Amino acid sequence: MTDLAEFVPLIEYNIDFNKTLFQMEASAKTLKWGEPTVDTPEYRNIDVVIVAYCIYYDEVGFIVLHKSIAMGETLFLIAYSRPLNP
């Protein structure tokens, strides 16, 4: 799972708190749309990208992210809503 750097500790806490409920591993990493970090091996060969509860809206950054990690058959599932006060 990824988010902005300030939210990664909360994600790590939630992963640890819920790890006994699931039979899979999860990890948390920092990812800011449009940053060059997505051009590293750990962000390659991703099968599924789920974007949910997205609270920051950066269309250009999202397109850069999409082009950086979408390889072959990468599936993007996006729950999107427009901000109430753009």
N, C-alpha and C. Protein backbone atom coordinates (compact mmCIF):
# COMPACT_ATOMS: atom_id res chain seq x y z
N MET A 1 0.84 -1.16 0.00
CA MET A 1 0.00 0.00 0.00
C MET A 1 0.89 1.23 0.00
N THR A 2 0.43 2.27 -0.63
CA THR A 2 1.23 3.49 -0.71
C THR A 2 0.39 4.70 -0.33
N ASP A 3 1.10 5.71 0.11
CA ASP A 3 0.48 7.00 0.42
C ASP A 3 1.59 8.02 0.54
N LEU A 4 1.22 9.23 0.85
CA LEU A 4 2.21 10.26 1.13
C LEU A 4 2.99 9.88 2.39
N ALA A 5 4.21 10.38 2.51
CA ALA A 5 5.12 9.97 3.59
C ALA A 5 4.50 10.11 4.98
N GLU A 6 3.76 11.17 5.22
CA GLU A 6 3.22 11.39 6.57
C GLU A 6 2.15 10.37 6.97
N PHE A 7 1.59 9.65 6.01
CA PHE A 7 0.55 8.67 6.31
C PHE A 7 1.05 7.23 6.38
N VAL A 8 2.27 6.99 5.95
CA VAL A 8 2.82 5.63 5.95
C VAL A 8 2.85 5.01 7.34
N PRO A 9 3.24 5.73 8.42
CA PRO A 9 3.21 5.11 9.75
C PRO A 9 1.82 4.62 10.15
N LEU A 10 0.78 5.34 9.79
CA LEU A 10 -0.58 4.91 10.10
C LEU A 10 -0.94 3.64 9.31
N ILE A 11 -0.55 3.59 8.06
CA ILE A 11 -0.79 2.38 7.26
C ILE A 11 -0.05 1.20 7.87
N GLU A 12 1.21 1.41 8.28
CA GLU A 12 1.99 0.34 8.90
C GLU A 12 1.33 -0.14 10.19
N TYR A 13 0.80 0.78 10.97
CA TYR A 13 0.08 0.41 12.19
C TYR A 13 -1.13 -0.46 11.86
N ASN A 14 -1.90 -0.04 10.86
CA ASN A 14 -3.10 -0.80 10.48
C ASN A 14 -2.75 -2.17 9.92
N ILE A 15 -1.68 -2.26 9.16
CA ILE A 15 -1.23 -3.56 8.65
C ILE A 15 -0.89 -4.47 9.81
N ASP A 16 -0.11 -3.96 10.76
CA ASP A 16 0.30 -4.76 11.91
C ASP A 16 -0.90 -5.17 12.77
N PHE A 17 -1.82 -4.25 12.99
CA PHE A 17 -2.99 -4.50 13.82
C PHE A 17 -3.89 -5.58 13.21
N ASN A 18 -3.96 -5.64 11.89
CA ASN A 18 -4.88 -6.56 11.21
C ASN A 18 -4.22 -7.78 10.59
N LYS A 19 -2.92 -7.96 10.80
CA LYS A 19 -2.21 -9.04 10.10
C LYS A 19 -2.72 -10.43 10.41
N THR A 20 -3.32 -10.65 11.57
CA THR A 20 -3.83 -11.98 11.90
C THR A 20 -5.13 -12.31 11.17
N LEU A 21 -5.74 -11.33 10.55
CA LEU A 21 -7.01 -11.53 9.86
C LEU A 21 -6.84 -12.03 8.43
N PHE A 22 -5.63 -11.91 7.89
CA PHE A 22 -5.42 -12.21 6.48
C PHE A 22 -4.27 -13.18 6.29
N GLN A 23 -4.28 -13.90 5.19
CA GLN A 23 -3.23 -14.86 4.90
C GLN A 23 -2.27 -14.33 3.84
N MET A 24 -2.13 -13.05 3.74
CA MET A 24 -1.22 -12.46 2.77
C MET A 24 -0.37 -11.40 3.45
N GLU A 25 0.70 -11.04 2.81
CA GLU A 25 1.56 -10.01 3.36
C GLU A 25 1.20 -8.67 2.75
N ALA A 26 1.39 -7.64 3.53
CA ALA A 26 1.18 -6.28 3.05
C ALA A 26 2.33 -5.43 3.54
N SER A 27 2.62 -4.39 2.81
CA SER A 27 3.65 -3.45 3.23
C SER A 27 3.22 -2.05 2.84
N ALA A 28 3.84 -1.07 3.47
CA ALA A 28 3.52 0.32 3.20
C ALA A 28 4.75 1.03 2.65
N LYS A 29 4.54 1.82 1.63
CA LYS A 29 5.63 2.58 1.02
C LYS A 29 5.13 3.99 0.70
N THR A 30 6.08 4.89 0.62
CA THR A 30 5.76 6.26 0.24
C THR A 30 5.66 6.35 -1.27
N LEU A 31 4.62 7.03 -1.73
CA LEU A 31 4.46 7.26 -3.16
C LEU A 31 3.73 8.58 -3.35
N LYS A 32 4.37 9.50 -4.02
CA LYS A 32 3.73 10.76 -4.38
C LYS A 32 3.62 10.78 -5.89
N TRP A 33 2.42 10.97 -6.38
CA TRP A 33 2.18 10.95 -7.81
C TRP A 33 3.09 11.94 -8.52
N GLY A 34 3.70 11.47 -9.61
CA GLY A 34 4.54 12.33 -10.42
C GLY A 34 5.99 12.37 -9.99
N GLU A 35 6.31 11.79 -8.83
CA GLU A 35 7.69 11.77 -8.35
C GLU A 35 8.47 10.67 -9.07
N PRO A 36 9.77 10.84 -9.21
CA PRO A 36 10.56 9.84 -9.93
C PRO A 36 10.74 8.51 -9.19
N THR A 37 10.29 8.39 -7.94
CA THR A 37 10.46 7.14 -7.19
C THR A 37 9.75 5.97 -7.85
N VAL A 38 8.74 6.23 -8.65
CA VAL A 38 8.03 5.13 -9.29
C VAL A 38 8.84 4.51 -10.41
N ASP A 39 9.96 5.10 -10.72
CA ASP A 39 10.81 4.57 -11.79
C ASP A 39 11.85 3.61 -11.24
N THR A 40 11.61 3.04 -10.06
CA THR A 40 12.53 2.10 -9.44
C THR A 40 11.97 0.69 -9.55
N PRO A 41 12.82 -0.33 -9.42
CA PRO A 41 12.36 -1.72 -9.60
C PRO A 41 11.20 -2.14 -8.69
N GLU A 42 11.12 -1.60 -7.48
CA GLU A 42 10.04 -2.02 -6.58
C GLU A 42 8.66 -1.63 -7.07
N TYR A 43 8.59 -0.71 -8.00
CA TYR A 43 7.30 -0.29 -8.56
C TYR A 43 7.09 -0.84 -9.97
N ARG A 44 7.84 -1.84 -10.35
CA ARG A 44 7.70 -2.47 -11.66
C ARG A 44 6.92 -3.78 -11.51
N ASN A 45 6.38 -4.26 -12.60
CA ASN A 45 5.66 -5.54 -12.63
C ASN A 45 4.50 -5.58 -11.64
N ILE A 46 3.75 -4.52 -11.58
CA ILE A 46 2.59 -4.43 -10.69
C ILE A 46 1.37 -4.95 -11.46
N ASP A 47 0.66 -5.88 -10.85
CA ASP A 47 -0.51 -6.47 -11.49
C ASP A 47 -1.75 -5.60 -11.38
N VAL A 48 -1.99 -5.07 -10.17
CA VAL A 48 -3.22 -4.32 -9.92
C VAL A 48 -2.88 -3.05 -9.13
N VAL A 49 -3.47 -1.95 -9.54
CA VAL A 49 -3.38 -0.69 -8.80
C VAL A 49 -4.80 -0.31 -8.42
N ILE A 50 -5.03 -0.15 -7.11
CA ILE A 50 -6.35 0.24 -6.61
C ILE A 50 -6.22 1.65 -6.04
N VAL A 51 -6.99 2.56 -6.57
CA VAL A 51 -7.00 3.94 -6.08
C VAL A 51 -8.36 4.14 -5.43
N ALA A 52 -8.34 4.28 -4.10
CA ALA A 52 -9.59 4.45 -3.36
C ALA A 52 -9.41 5.53 -2.29
N TYR A 53 -10.46 6.22 -2.00
CA TYR A 53 -10.42 7.29 -1.02
C TYR A 53 -9.31 8.28 -1.32
N CYS A 54 -9.18 8.59 -2.58
CA CYS A 54 -8.14 9.52 -3.01
C CYS A 54 -8.56 10.92 -2.59
N ILE A 55 -7.75 11.55 -1.73
CA ILE A 55 -8.14 12.85 -1.20
C ILE A 55 -7.31 13.99 -1.76
N TYR A 56 -6.37 13.69 -2.63
CA TYR A 56 -5.70 14.79 -3.31
C TYR A 56 -5.84 14.56 -4.81
N TYR A 57 -6.02 15.65 -5.52
CA TYR A 57 -6.38 15.57 -6.92
C TYR A 57 -5.28 16.21 -7.77
N ASP A 58 -4.50 15.38 -8.39
CA ASP A 58 -3.41 15.84 -9.23
C ASP A 58 -3.45 15.02 -10.52
N GLU A 59 -4.24 15.49 -11.47
CA GLU A 59 -4.45 14.71 -12.69
C GLU A 59 -3.14 14.45 -13.44
N VAL A 60 -2.29 15.48 -13.55
CA VAL A 60 -1.02 15.32 -14.26
C VAL A 60 -0.15 14.30 -13.55
N GLY A 61 -0.05 14.39 -12.22
CA GLY A 61 0.73 13.43 -11.45
C GLY A 61 0.20 12.01 -11.60
N PHE A 62 -1.11 11.87 -11.67
CA PHE A 62 -1.69 10.54 -11.84
C PHE A 62 -1.34 9.96 -13.21
N ILE A 63 -1.36 10.79 -14.23
CA ILE A 63 -1.01 10.31 -15.57
C ILE A 63 0.46 9.89 -15.60
N VAL A 64 1.33 10.67 -14.96
CA VAL A 64 2.75 10.30 -14.88
C VAL A 64 2.90 8.97 -14.15
N LEU A 65 2.19 8.80 -13.04
CA LEU A 65 2.21 7.54 -12.29
C LEU A 65 1.75 6.39 -13.18
N HIS A 66 0.64 6.57 -13.85
CA HIS A 66 0.08 5.53 -14.71
C HIS A 66 1.08 5.11 -15.77
N LYS A 67 1.68 6.07 -16.44
CA LYS A 67 2.65 5.75 -17.50
C LYS A 67 3.91 5.10 -16.94
N SER A 68 4.26 5.42 -15.69
CA SER A 68 5.49 4.89 -15.09
C SER A 68 5.36 3.44 -14.67
N ILE A 69 4.19 3.05 -14.15
CA ILE A 69 4.08 1.69 -13.59
C ILE A 69 3.24 0.74 -14.41
N ALA A 70 2.47 1.27 -15.35
CA ALA A 70 1.63 0.38 -16.15
C ALA A 70 2.49 -0.37 -17.16
N MET A 71 2.62 -1.65 -16.92
CA MET A 71 3.40 -2.50 -17.81
C MET A 71 2.52 -3.66 -18.28
N GLY A 72 2.39 -3.84 -19.55
CA GLY A 72 1.65 -4.98 -20.06
C GLY A 72 0.20 -5.00 -19.63
N GLU A 73 -0.10 -5.85 -18.68
CA GLU A 73 -1.48 -6.11 -18.28
C GLU A 73 -1.85 -5.48 -16.93
N THR A 74 -1.21 -4.39 -16.53
CA THR A 74 -1.54 -3.75 -15.26
C THR A 74 -2.99 -3.28 -15.29
N LEU A 75 -3.75 -3.65 -14.26
CA LEU A 75 -5.15 -3.28 -14.14
C LEU A 75 -5.28 -2.14 -13.14
N PHE A 76 -5.91 -1.04 -13.53
CA PHE A 76 -6.17 0.08 -12.64
C PHE A 76 -7.65 0.07 -12.26
N LEU A 77 -7.94 0.04 -10.97
CA LEU A 77 -9.30 0.15 -10.45
C LEU A 77 -9.35 1.46 -9.67
N ILE A 78 -10.21 2.37 -10.09
CA ILE A 78 -10.20 3.71 -9.52
C ILE A 78 -11.58 4.08 -9.02
N ALA A 79 -11.65 4.44 -7.74
CA ALA A 79 -12.87 5.01 -7.16
C ALA A 79 -12.63 6.51 -7.10
N TYR A 80 -13.33 7.25 -7.92
CA TYR A 80 -13.04 8.67 -8.06
C TYR A 80 -14.29 9.48 -7.79
N SER A 81 -14.11 10.57 -7.06
CA SER A 81 -15.19 11.54 -6.92
C SER A 81 -14.57 12.92 -7.01
N ARG A 82 -15.30 13.82 -7.57
CA ARG A 82 -14.80 15.19 -7.70
C ARG A 82 -14.85 15.88 -6.35
N PRO A 83 -13.90 16.78 -6.09
CA PRO A 83 -13.96 17.54 -4.84
C PRO A 83 -15.19 18.44 -4.82
N LEU A 84 -15.77 18.61 -3.64
CA LEU A 84 -16.96 19.44 -3.53
C LEU A 84 -16.65 20.91 -3.80
N ASN A 85 -15.48 21.36 -3.36
CA ASN A 85 -15.07 22.75 -3.54
C ASN A 85 -13.73 22.79 -4.25
N PRO A 86 -13.73 22.68 -5.57
CA PRO A 86 -12.45 22.64 -6.30
C PRO A 86 -11.66 23.92 -6.19
